[in-house]
């Protein structure tokens, strides 16, 4: 999954910040494990920027370490954390609204 420079409704609503980009990337790919490098690239941010916020994301319990592959640690959204569950619900609703609006716009054009 590669970061898309096109503005999404999720970023329009919550701000186009590095943390929002990381959360959006992880929420989109919630069923997958991601390395730090993949998350930074996928979110379209610098690794240094990601490292600056990483501890707060881990401490919040929103993301969890899932496994190691060689030297790479892999992470994903913690689907059992109440905060993460709330974010997933919001994300899914925003995506659904965006899809509905796009579908209506296509039908009307």
N, C-alpha and C. Protein backbone atom coordinates (compact mmCIF):
# COMPACT_ATOMS: atom_id res chain seq x y z
N UNK A 1 0.85 -1.18 0.00
CA UNK A 1 0.00 0.00 0.00
C UNK A 1 0.90 1.25 0.00
N UNK A 2 0.77 2.09 -0.95
CA UNK A 2 1.59 3.29 -1.08
C UNK A 2 0.75 4.51 -0.77
N UNK A 3 1.37 5.48 -0.09
CA UNK A 3 0.67 6.70 0.26
C UNK A 3 0.19 7.42 -0.99
N UNK A 4 -1.01 7.93 -0.90
CA UNK A 4 -1.62 8.65 -1.99
C UNK A 4 -1.63 10.14 -1.64
N UNK A 5 -1.03 10.97 -2.49
CA UNK A 5 -0.99 12.41 -2.21
C UNK A 5 -2.35 13.07 -2.33
N UNK A 6 -3.30 12.37 -2.95
CA UNK A 6 -4.64 12.90 -3.06
C UNK A 6 -5.25 13.03 -1.66
N UNK A 7 -5.86 14.17 -1.37
CA UNK A 7 -6.46 14.38 -0.06
C UNK A 7 -7.63 13.43 0.12
N UNK A 8 -7.70 12.83 1.30
CA UNK A 8 -8.81 11.94 1.62
C UNK A 8 -9.76 12.66 2.56
N UNK A 9 -10.99 12.18 2.62
CA UNK A 9 -11.97 12.76 3.54
C UNK A 9 -11.51 12.61 4.98
N UNK A 10 -10.84 11.50 5.29
CA UNK A 10 -10.33 11.29 6.65
C UNK A 10 -9.36 12.40 7.04
N UNK A 11 -8.42 12.72 6.15
CA UNK A 11 -7.45 13.80 6.43
C UNK A 11 -8.11 15.17 6.39
N UNK A 12 -9.12 15.34 5.55
CA UNK A 12 -9.84 16.62 5.53
C UNK A 12 -10.50 16.86 6.88
N UNK A 13 -11.08 15.82 7.46
CA UNK A 13 -11.80 15.96 8.73
C UNK A 13 -10.87 16.09 9.93
N UNK A 14 -9.78 15.34 9.94
CA UNK A 14 -8.93 15.27 11.12
C UNK A 14 -7.60 15.99 10.99
N UNK A 15 -7.34 16.55 9.82
CA UNK A 15 -6.10 17.30 9.61
C UNK A 15 -5.06 16.46 8.91
N UNK A 16 -4.29 17.10 8.07
CA UNK A 16 -3.25 16.39 7.33
C UNK A 16 -1.94 16.52 8.09
N UNK A 17 -1.87 15.78 9.19
CA UNK A 17 -0.68 15.78 10.03
C UNK A 17 0.02 14.42 9.90
N UNK A 18 1.28 14.35 10.28
CA UNK A 18 1.96 13.06 10.21
C UNK A 18 1.24 11.96 11.02
N UNK A 19 0.75 12.28 12.20
CA UNK A 19 0.08 11.28 13.02
C UNK A 19 -1.21 10.79 12.35
N UNK A 20 -1.97 11.69 11.78
CA UNK A 20 -3.20 11.30 11.09
C UNK A 20 -2.86 10.44 9.88
N UNK A 21 -1.79 10.78 9.17
CA UNK A 21 -1.38 9.98 8.01
C UNK A 21 -0.99 8.56 8.44
N UNK A 22 -0.27 8.44 9.54
CA UNK A 22 0.13 7.13 10.05
C UNK A 22 -1.11 6.33 10.45
N UNK A 23 -2.01 6.96 11.19
CA UNK A 23 -3.22 6.26 11.60
C UNK A 23 -4.05 5.83 10.40
N UNK A 24 -4.17 6.73 9.42
CA UNK A 24 -4.93 6.39 8.22
C UNK A 24 -4.31 5.18 7.51
N UNK A 25 -3.00 5.18 7.37
CA UNK A 25 -2.31 4.07 6.71
C UNK A 25 -2.55 2.76 7.47
N UNK A 26 -2.41 2.80 8.78
CA UNK A 26 -2.59 1.59 9.58
C UNK A 26 -4.05 1.14 9.62
N UNK A 27 -4.96 2.09 9.63
CA UNK A 27 -6.39 1.73 9.62
C UNK A 27 -6.78 1.10 8.29
N UNK A 28 -6.25 1.64 7.20
CA UNK A 28 -6.53 1.06 5.87
C UNK A 28 -6.02 -0.36 5.77
N UNK A 29 -4.84 -0.60 6.31
CA UNK A 29 -4.21 -1.92 6.21
C UNK A 29 -4.23 -2.65 7.53
N UNK A 30 -5.32 -2.54 8.25
CA UNK A 30 -5.38 -3.07 9.62
C UNK A 30 -5.21 -4.58 9.73
N UNK A 31 -5.46 -5.30 8.65
CA UNK A 31 -5.33 -6.75 8.71
C UNK A 31 -3.89 -7.20 8.46
N UNK A 32 -3.00 -6.28 8.13
CA UNK A 32 -1.62 -6.60 7.81
C UNK A 32 -0.66 -6.12 8.88
N UNK A 33 0.50 -6.76 8.94
CA UNK A 33 1.60 -6.30 9.80
C UNK A 33 2.49 -5.40 8.96
N UNK A 34 3.03 -4.35 9.58
CA UNK A 34 3.84 -3.37 8.85
C UNK A 34 5.13 -3.09 9.61
N UNK A 35 6.21 -2.94 8.88
CA UNK A 35 7.47 -2.51 9.49
C UNK A 35 7.45 -1.00 9.63
N UNK A 36 8.34 -0.47 10.45
CA UNK A 36 8.44 0.98 10.63
C UNK A 36 8.70 1.66 9.28
N UNK A 37 9.61 1.09 8.50
CA UNK A 37 9.92 1.66 7.19
C UNK A 37 8.71 1.68 6.27
N UNK A 38 7.96 0.58 6.28
CA UNK A 38 6.75 0.51 5.44
C UNK A 38 5.71 1.53 5.90
N UNK A 39 5.58 1.70 7.20
CA UNK A 39 4.61 2.66 7.73
C UNK A 39 4.99 4.08 7.31
N UNK A 40 6.26 4.43 7.47
CA UNK A 40 6.71 5.77 7.09
C UNK A 40 6.48 6.01 5.60
N UNK A 41 6.89 5.06 4.78
CA UNK A 41 6.72 5.20 3.33
C UNK A 41 5.24 5.22 2.97
N UNK A 42 4.48 4.31 3.54
CA UNK A 42 3.06 4.22 3.24
C UNK A 42 2.29 5.46 3.65
N UNK A 43 2.72 6.09 4.74
CA UNK A 43 2.05 7.30 5.23
C UNK A 43 2.59 8.56 4.55
N UNK A 44 3.67 8.41 3.81
CA UNK A 44 4.25 9.55 3.12
C UNK A 44 4.96 10.52 4.04
N UNK A 45 5.59 9.96 5.09
CA UNK A 45 6.33 10.82 6.03
C UNK A 45 7.75 10.28 6.19
N UNK A 46 8.60 11.11 6.75
CA UNK A 46 9.99 10.76 7.02
C UNK A 46 10.05 9.80 8.20
N UNK A 47 10.99 8.86 8.17
CA UNK A 47 11.16 7.91 9.29
C UNK A 47 11.45 8.62 10.60
N UNK A 48 12.23 9.68 10.55
CA UNK A 48 12.56 10.44 11.77
C UNK A 48 11.28 11.00 12.39
N UNK A 49 10.40 11.51 11.55
CA UNK A 49 9.12 12.03 12.03
C UNK A 49 8.31 10.92 12.68
N UNK A 50 8.31 9.75 12.06
CA UNK A 50 7.58 8.61 12.63
C UNK A 50 8.17 8.20 13.98
N UNK A 51 9.50 8.15 14.07
CA UNK A 51 10.14 7.77 15.33
C UNK A 51 9.79 8.74 16.45
N UNK A 52 9.62 10.02 16.13
CA UNK A 52 9.28 11.02 17.15
C UNK A 52 7.92 10.76 17.79
N UNK A 53 6.99 10.21 17.04
CA UNK A 53 5.64 9.98 17.58
C UNK A 53 5.41 8.54 17.99
N UNK A 54 6.33 7.66 17.66
CA UNK A 54 6.11 6.23 17.83
C UNK A 54 5.82 5.82 19.27
N UNK A 55 6.60 6.33 20.22
CA UNK A 55 6.41 5.94 21.62
C UNK A 55 5.01 6.28 22.11
N UNK A 56 4.50 7.44 21.74
CA UNK A 56 3.16 7.81 22.21
C UNK A 56 2.09 6.90 21.59
N UNK A 57 2.28 6.49 20.34
CA UNK A 57 1.34 5.56 19.72
C UNK A 57 1.37 4.20 20.40
N UNK A 58 2.58 3.73 20.70
CA UNK A 58 2.70 2.44 21.38
C UNK A 58 2.13 2.49 22.80
N UNK A 59 2.46 3.55 23.53
CA UNK A 59 1.98 3.68 24.90
C UNK A 59 0.47 3.79 24.97
N UNK A 60 -0.15 4.37 23.96
CA UNK A 60 -1.61 4.52 23.94
C UNK A 60 -2.30 3.17 23.74
N UNK A 61 -1.55 2.19 23.25
CA UNK A 61 -2.11 0.88 22.99
C UNK A 61 -2.83 0.78 21.66
N UNK A 62 -2.79 1.84 20.86
CA UNK A 62 -3.46 1.85 19.57
C UNK A 62 -2.75 0.93 18.58
N UNK A 63 -1.44 0.85 18.70
CA UNK A 63 -0.68 -0.06 17.85
C UNK A 63 0.02 -1.10 18.72
N UNK A 64 0.24 -2.26 18.14
CA UNK A 64 0.93 -3.31 18.89
C UNK A 64 1.99 -3.97 18.01
N UNK A 65 3.02 -4.43 18.69
CA UNK A 65 4.06 -5.22 18.03
C UNK A 65 3.48 -6.61 17.83
N UNK A 66 3.55 -7.12 16.60
CA UNK A 66 2.95 -8.42 16.31
C UNK A 66 3.98 -9.54 16.18
N UNK A 67 5.11 -9.24 15.54
CA UNK A 67 6.12 -10.27 15.34
C UNK A 67 7.38 -9.64 14.78
N UNK A 68 8.42 -10.45 14.69
CA UNK A 68 9.68 -10.04 14.08
C UNK A 68 9.94 -10.91 12.87
N UNK A 69 10.46 -10.28 11.83
CA UNK A 69 10.96 -11.01 10.67
C UNK A 69 12.39 -10.54 10.49
N UNK A 70 13.34 -11.40 10.83
CA UNK A 70 14.74 -11.00 10.84
C UNK A 70 14.92 -9.90 11.86
N UNK A 71 15.50 -8.79 11.43
CA UNK A 71 15.69 -7.64 12.33
C UNK A 71 14.50 -6.70 12.34
N UNK A 72 13.55 -6.92 11.46
CA UNK A 72 12.40 -6.01 11.35
C UNK A 72 11.31 -6.38 12.35
N UNK A 73 10.86 -5.38 13.10
CA UNK A 73 9.71 -5.54 13.99
C UNK A 73 8.48 -5.12 13.21
N UNK A 74 7.42 -5.90 13.33
CA UNK A 74 6.19 -5.59 12.62
C UNK A 74 5.10 -5.18 13.59
N UNK A 75 4.25 -4.25 13.13
CA UNK A 75 3.21 -3.67 13.97
C UNK A 75 1.90 -3.60 13.19
N UNK A 76 0.81 -3.44 13.93
CA UNK A 76 -0.49 -3.20 13.32
C UNK A 76 -1.39 -2.51 14.34
N UNK A 77 -2.56 -2.11 13.89
CA UNK A 77 -3.56 -1.54 14.79
C UNK A 77 -3.98 -2.63 15.77
N UNK A 78 -4.11 -2.25 17.03
CA UNK A 78 -4.53 -3.18 18.07
C UNK A 78 -6.06 -3.27 18.05
N UNK A 79 -6.57 -4.26 17.41
CA UNK A 79 -8.02 -4.39 17.21
C UNK A 79 -8.78 -4.72 18.49
N UNK A 80 -8.07 -4.88 19.61
CA UNK A 80 -8.72 -5.14 20.89
C UNK A 80 -8.69 -3.93 21.81
N UNK A 81 -8.01 -2.87 21.40
CA UNK A 81 -7.91 -1.66 22.21
C UNK A 81 -9.14 -0.78 21.97
N UNK A 82 -9.82 -0.33 23.04
CA UNK A 82 -11.03 0.50 22.86
C UNK A 82 -10.80 1.76 22.02
N UNK A 83 -9.66 2.41 22.19
CA UNK A 83 -9.36 3.61 21.40
C UNK A 83 -9.21 3.26 19.92
N UNK A 84 -8.52 2.15 19.67
CA UNK A 84 -8.33 1.72 18.28
C UNK A 84 -9.66 1.30 17.66
N UNK A 85 -10.48 0.63 18.43
CA UNK A 85 -11.80 0.22 17.94
C UNK A 85 -12.61 1.45 17.56
N UNK A 86 -12.57 2.48 18.40
CA UNK A 86 -13.27 3.72 18.12
C UNK A 86 -12.74 4.36 16.83
N UNK A 87 -11.43 4.39 16.66
CA UNK A 87 -10.83 4.93 15.44
C UNK A 87 -11.23 4.12 14.21
N UNK A 88 -11.28 2.80 14.34
CA UNK A 88 -11.68 1.96 13.21
C UNK A 88 -13.13 2.24 12.82
N UNK A 89 -14.00 2.41 13.81
CA UNK A 89 -15.40 2.71 13.52
C UNK A 89 -15.54 4.05 12.80
N UNK A 90 -14.82 5.06 13.29
CA UNK A 90 -14.87 6.38 12.65
C UNK A 90 -14.31 6.29 11.23
N UNK A 91 -13.17 5.64 11.09
CA UNK A 91 -12.54 5.50 9.78
C UNK A 91 -13.49 4.83 8.79
N UNK A 92 -14.09 3.73 9.22
CA UNK A 92 -15.01 3.00 8.34
C UNK A 92 -16.21 3.86 7.94
N UNK A 93 -16.74 4.63 8.88
CA UNK A 93 -17.88 5.50 8.56
C UNK A 93 -17.47 6.61 7.59
N UNK A 94 -16.30 7.19 7.80
CA UNK A 94 -15.81 8.25 6.92
C UNK A 94 -15.59 7.69 5.51
N UNK A 95 -14.99 6.53 5.42
CA UNK A 95 -14.75 5.89 4.12
C UNK A 95 -16.07 5.60 3.43
N UNK A 96 -17.05 5.12 4.19
CA UNK A 96 -18.35 4.80 3.63
C UNK A 96 -19.03 6.07 3.10
N UNK A 97 -18.96 7.15 3.86
CA UNK A 97 -19.55 8.43 3.42
C UNK A 97 -18.86 8.90 2.14
N UNK A 98 -17.53 8.83 2.13
CA UNK A 98 -16.77 9.25 0.95
C UNK A 98 -17.15 8.42 -0.26
N UNK A 99 -17.31 7.11 -0.08
CA UNK A 99 -17.70 6.22 -1.17
C UNK A 99 -19.09 6.58 -1.68
N UNK A 100 -20.02 6.83 -0.77
CA UNK A 100 -21.39 7.18 -1.16
C UNK A 100 -21.41 8.50 -1.93
N UNK A 101 -20.66 9.49 -1.45
CA UNK A 101 -20.62 10.79 -2.13
C UNK A 101 -20.01 10.66 -3.52
N UNK A 102 -18.96 9.85 -3.64
CA UNK A 102 -18.33 9.64 -4.93
C UNK A 102 -19.28 8.93 -5.89
N UNK A 103 -19.98 7.93 -5.39
CA UNK A 103 -20.94 7.19 -6.21
C UNK A 103 -22.05 8.10 -6.70
N UNK A 104 -22.58 8.94 -5.83
CA UNK A 104 -23.65 9.88 -6.20
C UNK A 104 -23.14 10.88 -7.24
N UNK A 105 -21.92 11.38 -7.04
CA UNK A 105 -21.35 12.34 -7.98
C UNK A 105 -21.16 11.71 -9.36
N UNK A 106 -20.74 10.47 -9.41
CA UNK A 106 -20.55 9.77 -10.68
C UNK A 106 -21.90 9.57 -11.36
N UNK A 107 -22.92 9.18 -10.59
CA UNK A 107 -24.25 8.98 -11.17
C UNK A 107 -24.84 10.26 -11.73
N UNK A 108 -24.54 11.40 -11.08
CA UNK A 108 -25.10 12.68 -11.49
C UNK A 108 -24.31 13.36 -12.61
N UNK A 109 -23.19 12.79 -12.98
CA UNK A 109 -22.40 13.44 -14.04
C UNK A 109 -22.64 12.85 -15.40
